[in-house]
PDB file of N, CA and C in Angstrom:
ATOM      1  N   MET A   1       9.228 -18.080  -0.766  1.00  0.00           N
ATOM      2  CA  MET A   1       8.834 -16.943  -1.629  1.00  0.00           C
ATOM      3  C   MET A   1       9.942 -16.658  -2.651  1.00  0.00           C
ATOM      4  N   ASN A   2       9.531 -16.238  -3.816  1.00  0.00           N
ATOM      5  CA  ASN A   2      10.543 -15.921  -4.853  1.00  0.00           C
ATOM      6  C   ASN A   2      11.205 -14.582  -4.562  1.00  0.00           C
ATOM      7  N   ASP A   3      12.483 -14.471  -4.897  1.00  0.00           N
ATOM      8  CA  ASP A   3      13.198 -13.207  -4.658  1.00  0.00           C
ATOM      9  C   ASP A   3      12.598 -12.077  -5.492  1.00  0.00           C
ATOM     10  N   GLU A   4      11.853 -12.446  -6.539  1.00  0.00           N
ATOM     11  CA  GLU A   4      11.283 -11.398  -7.395  1.00  0.00           C
ATOM     12  C   GLU A   4      10.055 -10.772  -6.743  1.00  0.00           C
ATOM     13  N   ARG A   5       9.358 -11.568  -5.941  1.00  0.00           N
ATOM     14  CA  ARG A   5       8.159 -11.025  -5.276  1.00  0.00           C
ATOM     15  C   ARG A   5       8.479 -10.507  -3.873  1.00  0.00           C
ATOM     16  N   ALA A   6       9.635 -10.876  -3.342  1.00  0.00           N
ATOM     17  CA  ALA A   6       9.999 -10.434  -1.992  1.00  0.00           C
ATOM     18  C   ALA A   6      10.002  -8.904  -1.894  1.00  0.00           C
ATOM     19  N   PRO A   7      10.692  -8.200  -2.793  1.00  0.00           N
ATOM     20  CA  PRO A   7      10.740  -6.723  -2.726  1.00  0.00           C
ATOM     21  C   PRO A   7       9.361  -6.116  -2.932  1.00  0.00           C
ATOM     22  N   VAL A   8       8.541  -6.779  -3.738  1.00  0.00           N
ATOM     23  CA  VAL A   8       7.188  -6.247  -3.988  1.00  0.00           C
ATOM     24  C   VAL A   8       6.371  -6.283  -2.706  1.00  0.00           C
ATOM     25  N   LEU A   9       6.420  -7.424  -2.008  1.00  0.00           N
ATOM     26  CA  LEU A   9       5.665  -7.536  -0.750  1.00  0.00           C
ATOM     27  C   LEU A   9       6.196  -6.544   0.270  1.00  0.00           C
ATOM     28  N   ARG A  10       7.496  -6.305   0.233  1.00  0.00           N
ATOM     29  CA  ARG A  10       8.092  -5.358   1.198  1.00  0.00           C
ATOM     30  C   ARG A  10       7.576  -3.951   0.934  1.00  0.00           C
ATOM     31  N   VAL A  11       7.509  -3.593  -0.353  1.00  0.00           N
ATOM     32  CA  VAL A  11       7.022  -2.243  -0.710  1.00  0.00           C
ATOM     33  C   VAL A  11       5.544  -2.113  -0.362  1.00  0.00           C
ATOM     34  N   LEU A  12       4.768  -3.167  -0.670  1.00  0.00           N
ATOM     35  CA  LEU A  12       3.326  -3.110  -0.374  1.00  0.00           C
ATOM     36  C   LEU A  12       3.117  -2.990   1.133  1.00  0.00           C
ATOM     37  N   GLY A  13       3.888  -3.715   1.907  1.00  0.00           N
ATOM     38  CA  GLY A  13       3.751  -3.660   3.365  1.00  0.00           C
ATOM     39  C   GLY A  13       4.167  -2.298   3.896  1.00  0.00           C
ATOM     40  N   PHE A  14       5.218  -1.734   3.308  1.00  0.00           N
ATOM     41  CA  PHE A  14       5.692  -0.418   3.754  1.00  0.00           C
ATOM     42  C   PHE A  14       4.668   0.662   3.419  1.00  0.00           C
ATOM     43  N   ALA A  15       4.164   0.630   2.182  1.00  0.00           N
ATOM     44  CA  ALA A  15       3.164   1.622   1.761  1.00  0.00           C
ATOM     45  C   ALA A  15       1.880   1.419   2.560  1.00  0.00           C
ATOM     46  N   GLY A  16       1.530   0.164   2.826  1.00  0.00           N
ATOM     47  CA  GLY A  16       0.317  -0.111   3.604  1.00  0.00           C
ATOM     48  C   GLY A  16       0.431   0.474   5.007  1.00  0.00           C
ATOM     49  N   SER A  17       1.610   0.408   5.582  1.00  0.00           N
ATOM     50  CA  SER A  17       1.806   0.939   6.940  1.00  0.00           C
ATOM     51  C   SER A  17       1.612   2.450   6.930  1.00  0.00           C
ATOM     52  N   LEU A  18       2.118   3.114   5.887  1.00  0.00           N
ATOM     53  CA  LEU A  18       1.993   4.577   5.819  1.00  0.00           C
ATOM     54  C   LEU A  18       0.530   4.966   5.599  1.00  0.00           C
ATOM     55  N   ARG A  19      -0.175   4.208   4.745  1.00  0.00           N
ATOM     56  CA  ARG A  19      -1.581   4.540   4.459  1.00  0.00           C
ATOM     57  C   ARG A  19      -2.460   4.180   5.646  1.00  0.00           C
ATOM     58  N   ALA A  20      -2.097   3.106   6.340  1.00  0.00           N
ATOM     59  CA  ALA A  20      -2.909   2.686   7.491  1.00  0.00           C
ATOM     60  C   ALA A  20      -2.589   3.629   8.652  1.00  0.00           C
TER      61      ALA A  20
END
């Protein structure tokens, strides 16, 4: 995975956990 998309996936996963 590219380092540029790594933080994005981390944020999406974190926000997804809060919404889920």
